[in-house]
N, C-alpha and C. Protein backbone atom coordinates (compact mmCIF):
# COMPACT_ATOMS: atom_id res chain seq x y z
N LEU A 1 -191.60 -62.74 231.42
CA LEU A 1 -192.80 -63.08 230.67
C LEU A 1 -193.65 -61.83 230.53
N THR A 2 -193.99 -61.50 229.33
CA THR A 2 -194.76 -60.28 229.08
C THR A 2 -196.22 -60.61 228.78
N ALA A 3 -197.03 -59.59 228.76
CA ALA A 3 -198.44 -59.77 228.44
C ALA A 3 -198.59 -60.33 227.02
N GLU A 4 -197.69 -59.94 226.13
CA GLU A 4 -197.74 -60.44 224.76
C GLU A 4 -197.51 -61.95 224.72
N HIS A 5 -196.58 -62.43 225.56
CA HIS A 5 -196.31 -63.87 225.62
C HIS A 5 -197.57 -64.61 226.09
N VAL A 6 -198.21 -64.09 227.12
CA VAL A 6 -199.40 -64.74 227.66
C VAL A 6 -200.51 -64.74 226.62
N LYS A 7 -200.70 -63.61 225.96
CA LYS A 7 -201.73 -63.52 224.93
C LYS A 7 -201.45 -64.52 223.82
N SER A 8 -200.19 -64.64 223.42
CA SER A 8 -199.82 -65.58 222.37
C SER A 8 -200.11 -67.02 222.78
N HIS A 9 -199.74 -67.35 224.02
CA HIS A 9 -200.00 -68.71 224.50
C HIS A 9 -201.50 -68.99 224.57
N LEU A 10 -202.26 -68.02 225.06
CA LEU A 10 -203.69 -68.21 225.17
C LEU A 10 -204.34 -68.34 223.78
N GLN A 11 -203.83 -67.57 222.83
CA GLN A 11 -204.36 -67.67 221.46
C GLN A 11 -204.07 -69.06 220.89
N LYS A 12 -202.84 -69.57 221.10
CA LYS A 12 -202.50 -70.90 220.62
C LYS A 12 -203.39 -71.94 221.29
N TYR A 13 -203.62 -71.77 222.59
CA TYR A 13 -204.49 -72.68 223.33
C TYR A 13 -205.89 -72.70 222.73
N ARG A 14 -206.43 -71.51 222.50
CA ARG A 14 -207.80 -71.43 221.97
C ARG A 14 -207.88 -72.02 220.56
N ILE A 15 -206.87 -71.76 219.73
CA ILE A 15 -206.86 -72.30 218.37
C ILE A 15 -206.83 -73.84 218.42
N ASN A 16 -205.95 -74.40 219.25
CA ASN A 16 -205.85 -75.85 219.36
C ASN A 16 -207.14 -76.45 219.91
N MET A 17 -207.76 -75.77 220.86
CA MET A 17 -209.01 -76.27 221.42
C MET A 17 -210.10 -76.26 220.34
N LYS A 18 -210.13 -75.19 219.56
CA LYS A 18 -211.12 -75.10 218.50
C LYS A 18 -210.90 -76.20 217.45
N LYS A 19 -209.63 -76.42 217.08
CA LYS A 19 -209.31 -77.49 216.12
C LYS A 19 -209.76 -78.84 216.66
N ALA A 20 -209.47 -79.10 217.91
CA ALA A 20 -209.81 -80.38 218.51
C ALA A 20 -211.32 -80.57 218.54
N GLN A 21 -212.06 -79.51 218.85
CA GLN A 21 -213.52 -79.61 218.87
C GLN A 21 -214.06 -79.84 217.48
N GLN A 22 -213.47 -79.18 216.48
CA GLN A 22 -213.93 -79.37 215.11
C GLN A 22 -213.64 -80.79 214.63
N GLU A 23 -212.46 -81.30 214.97
CA GLU A 23 -212.13 -82.67 214.58
C GLU A 23 -213.06 -83.65 215.28
N GLU A 24 -213.36 -83.39 216.53
CA GLU A 24 -214.24 -84.28 217.28
C GLU A 24 -215.64 -84.28 216.69
N SER A 25 -216.14 -83.13 216.30
CA SER A 25 -217.50 -83.05 215.76
C SER A 25 -217.58 -83.57 214.32
N SER A 26 -216.48 -83.49 213.58
CA SER A 26 -216.52 -83.94 212.18
C SER A 26 -216.32 -85.45 212.04
N SER A 27 -215.78 -86.10 213.05
CA SER A 27 -215.54 -87.55 212.93
C SER A 27 -216.79 -88.32 213.34
N SER A 28 -217.12 -89.35 212.55
CA SER A 28 -218.26 -90.21 212.90
C SER A 28 -217.82 -91.65 212.74
N PRO A 29 -217.52 -92.34 213.84
CA PRO A 29 -217.03 -93.72 213.77
C PRO A 29 -218.11 -94.66 213.25
N SER A 30 -217.68 -95.57 212.33
CA SER A 30 -218.64 -96.50 211.74
C SER A 30 -218.41 -97.94 212.14
N ASP A 31 -217.17 -98.32 212.45
CA ASP A 31 -216.91 -99.69 212.87
C ASP A 31 -216.09 -99.69 214.14
N GLN A 32 -215.77 -100.89 214.65
CA GLN A 32 -215.10 -101.03 215.94
C GLN A 32 -213.71 -100.37 215.93
N SER A 33 -212.97 -100.53 214.86
CA SER A 33 -211.61 -99.97 214.82
C SER A 33 -211.66 -98.44 214.84
N SER A 34 -212.63 -97.87 214.15
CA SER A 34 -212.74 -96.40 214.18
C SER A 34 -213.23 -95.95 215.55
N LYS A 35 -214.06 -96.79 216.23
CA LYS A 35 -214.48 -96.45 217.59
C LYS A 35 -213.29 -96.45 218.55
N ASP A 36 -212.42 -97.46 218.38
CA ASP A 36 -211.22 -97.52 219.21
C ASP A 36 -210.34 -96.29 218.96
N GLY A 37 -210.21 -95.95 217.69
CA GLY A 37 -209.44 -94.77 217.35
C GLY A 37 -210.07 -93.51 217.92
N SER A 38 -211.40 -93.49 217.90
CA SER A 38 -212.12 -92.32 218.43
C SER A 38 -211.90 -92.20 219.94
N VAL A 39 -211.92 -93.35 220.63
CA VAL A 39 -211.68 -93.35 222.07
C VAL A 39 -210.27 -92.87 222.36
N ALA A 40 -209.31 -93.34 221.58
CA ALA A 40 -207.92 -92.89 221.76
C ALA A 40 -207.80 -91.40 221.50
N LYS A 41 -208.49 -90.93 220.45
CA LYS A 41 -208.47 -89.49 220.16
C LYS A 41 -209.11 -88.69 221.30
N THR A 42 -210.22 -89.23 221.81
CA THR A 42 -210.92 -88.54 222.91
C THR A 42 -210.02 -88.48 224.14
N ASN A 43 -209.34 -89.57 224.45
CA ASN A 43 -208.44 -89.58 225.60
C ASN A 43 -207.27 -88.62 225.38
N ALA A 44 -206.75 -88.63 224.16
CA ALA A 44 -205.66 -87.70 223.84
C ALA A 44 -206.15 -86.27 223.92
N HIS A 45 -207.37 -86.06 223.45
CA HIS A 45 -207.96 -84.71 223.50
C HIS A 45 -208.12 -84.25 224.94
N LYS A 46 -208.60 -85.16 225.79
CA LYS A 46 -208.75 -84.83 227.22
C LYS A 46 -207.43 -84.50 227.86
N GLU A 47 -206.40 -85.28 227.55
CA GLU A 47 -205.08 -85.01 228.09
C GLU A 47 -204.54 -83.68 227.59
N LEU A 48 -204.78 -83.40 226.32
CA LEU A 48 -204.37 -82.12 225.75
C LEU A 48 -205.09 -80.96 226.42
N GLN A 49 -206.38 -81.14 226.67
CA GLN A 49 -207.14 -80.11 227.38
C GLN A 49 -206.59 -79.87 228.78
N LYS A 50 -206.27 -80.95 229.49
CA LYS A 50 -205.70 -80.81 230.83
C LYS A 50 -204.38 -80.07 230.77
N HIS A 51 -203.57 -80.43 229.77
CA HIS A 51 -202.25 -79.79 229.62
C HIS A 51 -202.43 -78.31 229.35
N PHE A 52 -203.32 -77.96 228.44
CA PHE A 52 -203.52 -76.56 228.10
C PHE A 52 -204.10 -75.77 229.27
N LYS A 53 -205.03 -76.39 230.01
CA LYS A 53 -205.60 -75.71 231.17
C LYS A 53 -204.52 -75.47 232.23
N LEU A 54 -203.67 -76.45 232.42
CA LEU A 54 -202.56 -76.30 233.36
C LEU A 54 -201.61 -75.19 232.90
N GLN A 55 -201.32 -75.22 231.61
CA GLN A 55 -200.41 -74.19 231.06
C GLN A 55 -201.03 -72.80 231.17
N GLU A 56 -202.33 -72.69 230.92
CA GLU A 56 -203.02 -71.42 231.03
C GLU A 56 -202.99 -70.92 232.48
N ARG A 57 -203.26 -71.82 233.41
CA ARG A 57 -203.24 -71.43 234.84
C ARG A 57 -201.84 -71.00 235.25
N THR A 58 -200.83 -71.72 234.77
CA THR A 58 -199.44 -71.39 235.09
C THR A 58 -199.09 -70.01 234.56
N LEU A 59 -199.51 -69.72 233.36
CA LEU A 59 -199.25 -68.40 232.78
C LEU A 59 -199.96 -67.30 233.56
N GLN A 60 -201.18 -67.59 234.00
CA GLN A 60 -201.91 -66.60 234.79
C GLN A 60 -201.18 -66.33 236.11
N LEU A 61 -200.72 -67.39 236.75
CA LEU A 61 -200.00 -67.23 238.01
C LEU A 61 -198.69 -66.48 237.80
N GLN A 62 -198.00 -66.77 236.69
CA GLN A 62 -196.78 -66.05 236.40
C GLN A 62 -197.04 -64.56 236.18
N MET A 63 -198.13 -64.25 235.50
CA MET A 63 -198.48 -62.85 235.26
C MET A 63 -198.81 -62.15 236.58
N GLN A 64 -199.54 -62.82 237.46
CA GLN A 64 -199.86 -62.24 238.75
C GLN A 64 -198.60 -61.98 239.56
N LEU A 65 -197.71 -62.96 239.55
CA LEU A 65 -196.46 -62.82 240.27
C LEU A 65 -195.62 -61.68 239.70
N GLN A 66 -195.57 -61.60 238.38
CA GLN A 66 -194.82 -60.52 237.74
C GLN A 66 -195.39 -59.17 238.10
N MET A 67 -196.72 -59.05 238.13
CA MET A 67 -197.33 -57.78 238.49
C MET A 67 -197.04 -57.42 239.94
N GLN A 68 -197.07 -58.40 240.83
CA GLN A 68 -196.75 -58.15 242.23
C GLN A 68 -195.29 -57.72 242.38
N MET A 69 -194.42 -58.39 241.67
CA MET A 69 -192.99 -58.03 241.76
C MET A 69 -192.77 -56.64 241.20
N HIS A 70 -193.47 -56.28 240.13
CA HIS A 70 -193.34 -54.95 239.56
C HIS A 70 -193.80 -53.89 240.57
N SER A 71 -194.91 -54.17 241.26
CA SER A 71 -195.41 -53.24 242.28
C SER A 71 -194.41 -53.09 243.43
N GLN A 72 -193.84 -54.21 243.85
CA GLN A 72 -192.86 -54.16 244.93
C GLN A 72 -191.62 -53.37 244.51
N LEU A 73 -191.20 -53.58 243.27
CA LEU A 73 -190.04 -52.87 242.76
C LEU A 73 -190.30 -51.37 242.73
N ALA A 74 -191.48 -50.97 242.28
CA ALA A 74 -191.83 -49.56 242.25
C ALA A 74 -191.84 -48.97 243.66
N LEU A 75 -192.36 -49.73 244.60
CA LEU A 75 -192.38 -49.27 246.01
C LEU A 75 -190.96 -49.15 246.54
N GLN A 76 -190.10 -50.10 246.21
CA GLN A 76 -188.70 -50.03 246.64
C GLN A 76 -188.02 -48.81 246.06
N ARG A 77 -188.30 -48.50 244.82
CA ARG A 77 -187.70 -47.31 244.19
C ARG A 77 -188.16 -46.04 244.90
N GLN A 78 -189.45 -45.97 245.23
CA GLN A 78 -189.98 -44.82 245.94
C GLN A 78 -189.30 -44.67 247.31
N LEU A 79 -189.18 -45.79 248.00
CA LEU A 79 -188.56 -45.75 249.32
C LEU A 79 -187.08 -45.33 249.22
N GLN A 80 -186.38 -45.84 248.23
CA GLN A 80 -184.98 -45.49 248.04
C GLN A 80 -184.84 -44.00 247.74
N LEU A 81 -185.73 -43.46 246.93
CA LEU A 81 -185.72 -42.04 246.61
C LEU A 81 -185.98 -41.21 247.87
N SER A 82 -186.94 -41.65 248.66
CA SER A 82 -187.26 -40.96 249.91
C SER A 82 -186.07 -40.99 250.87
N ILE A 83 -185.42 -42.13 250.97
CA ILE A 83 -184.23 -42.27 251.83
C ILE A 83 -183.12 -41.33 251.34
N SER A 84 -182.91 -41.27 250.05
CA SER A 84 -181.88 -40.39 249.49
C SER A 84 -182.20 -38.92 249.79
N GLN A 85 -183.46 -38.55 249.68
CA GLN A 85 -183.86 -37.17 249.95
C GLN A 85 -183.65 -36.85 251.44
N GLN A 86 -184.00 -37.78 252.31
CA GLN A 86 -183.80 -37.58 253.74
C GLN A 86 -182.32 -37.44 254.07
N LYS A 87 -181.50 -38.26 253.42
CA LYS A 87 -180.06 -38.20 253.63
C LYS A 87 -179.52 -36.83 253.26
N GLU A 88 -179.92 -36.33 252.09
CA GLU A 88 -179.47 -35.02 251.65
C GLU A 88 -179.94 -33.93 252.61
N LEU A 89 -181.16 -34.02 253.10
CA LEU A 89 -181.69 -33.05 254.04
C LEU A 89 -180.90 -33.06 255.34
N LEU A 90 -180.60 -34.25 255.84
CA LEU A 90 -179.83 -34.37 257.08
C LEU A 90 -178.40 -33.83 256.91
N GLN A 91 -177.80 -34.12 255.77
CA GLN A 91 -176.46 -33.60 255.53
C GLN A 91 -176.47 -32.08 255.47
N THR A 92 -177.45 -31.52 254.84
CA THR A 92 -177.56 -30.06 254.77
C THR A 92 -177.74 -29.48 256.16
N GLN A 93 -178.59 -30.07 256.98
CA GLN A 93 -178.82 -29.59 258.34
C GLN A 93 -177.54 -29.72 259.18
N MET A 94 -176.79 -30.79 259.02
CA MET A 94 -175.57 -30.97 259.78
C MET A 94 -174.53 -29.92 259.37
N GLN A 95 -174.45 -29.63 258.09
CA GLN A 95 -173.50 -28.61 257.63
C GLN A 95 -173.89 -27.24 258.17
N GLU A 96 -175.20 -26.94 258.20
CA GLU A 96 -175.63 -25.66 258.72
C GLU A 96 -175.32 -25.54 260.21
N GLN A 97 -175.51 -26.63 260.93
CA GLN A 97 -175.19 -26.59 262.38
C GLN A 97 -173.71 -26.45 262.63
N GLN A 98 -172.90 -27.07 261.82
CA GLN A 98 -171.44 -26.95 261.99
C GLN A 98 -170.97 -25.54 261.70
N GLU A 99 -171.64 -24.84 260.80
CA GLU A 99 -171.26 -23.49 260.46
C GLU A 99 -171.66 -22.52 261.57
N HIS A 100 -172.65 -22.82 262.37
CA HIS A 100 -173.10 -21.94 263.43
C HIS A 100 -172.41 -22.28 264.67
């Protein structure tokens, strides 16, 4: 998951939230059936908001985890390089001692 994926998901989330708010503000129920429809829309809107908030939080957690894993991988690479350098140094020292 890349930063671009997260940005795309967040943009979609914000667009859908904006659309839902616009639809909610533009509708004006006049009779009982439209009120029932409005309640259903409001409930669906609330569920959609919960879903998007959960999805946003999940994406944030995935990004944090990815950044931590990237840091750990960089540290592992540094350690591996250091180990390789120490190995070469020890081999050189052993060869020099064997020659003397």
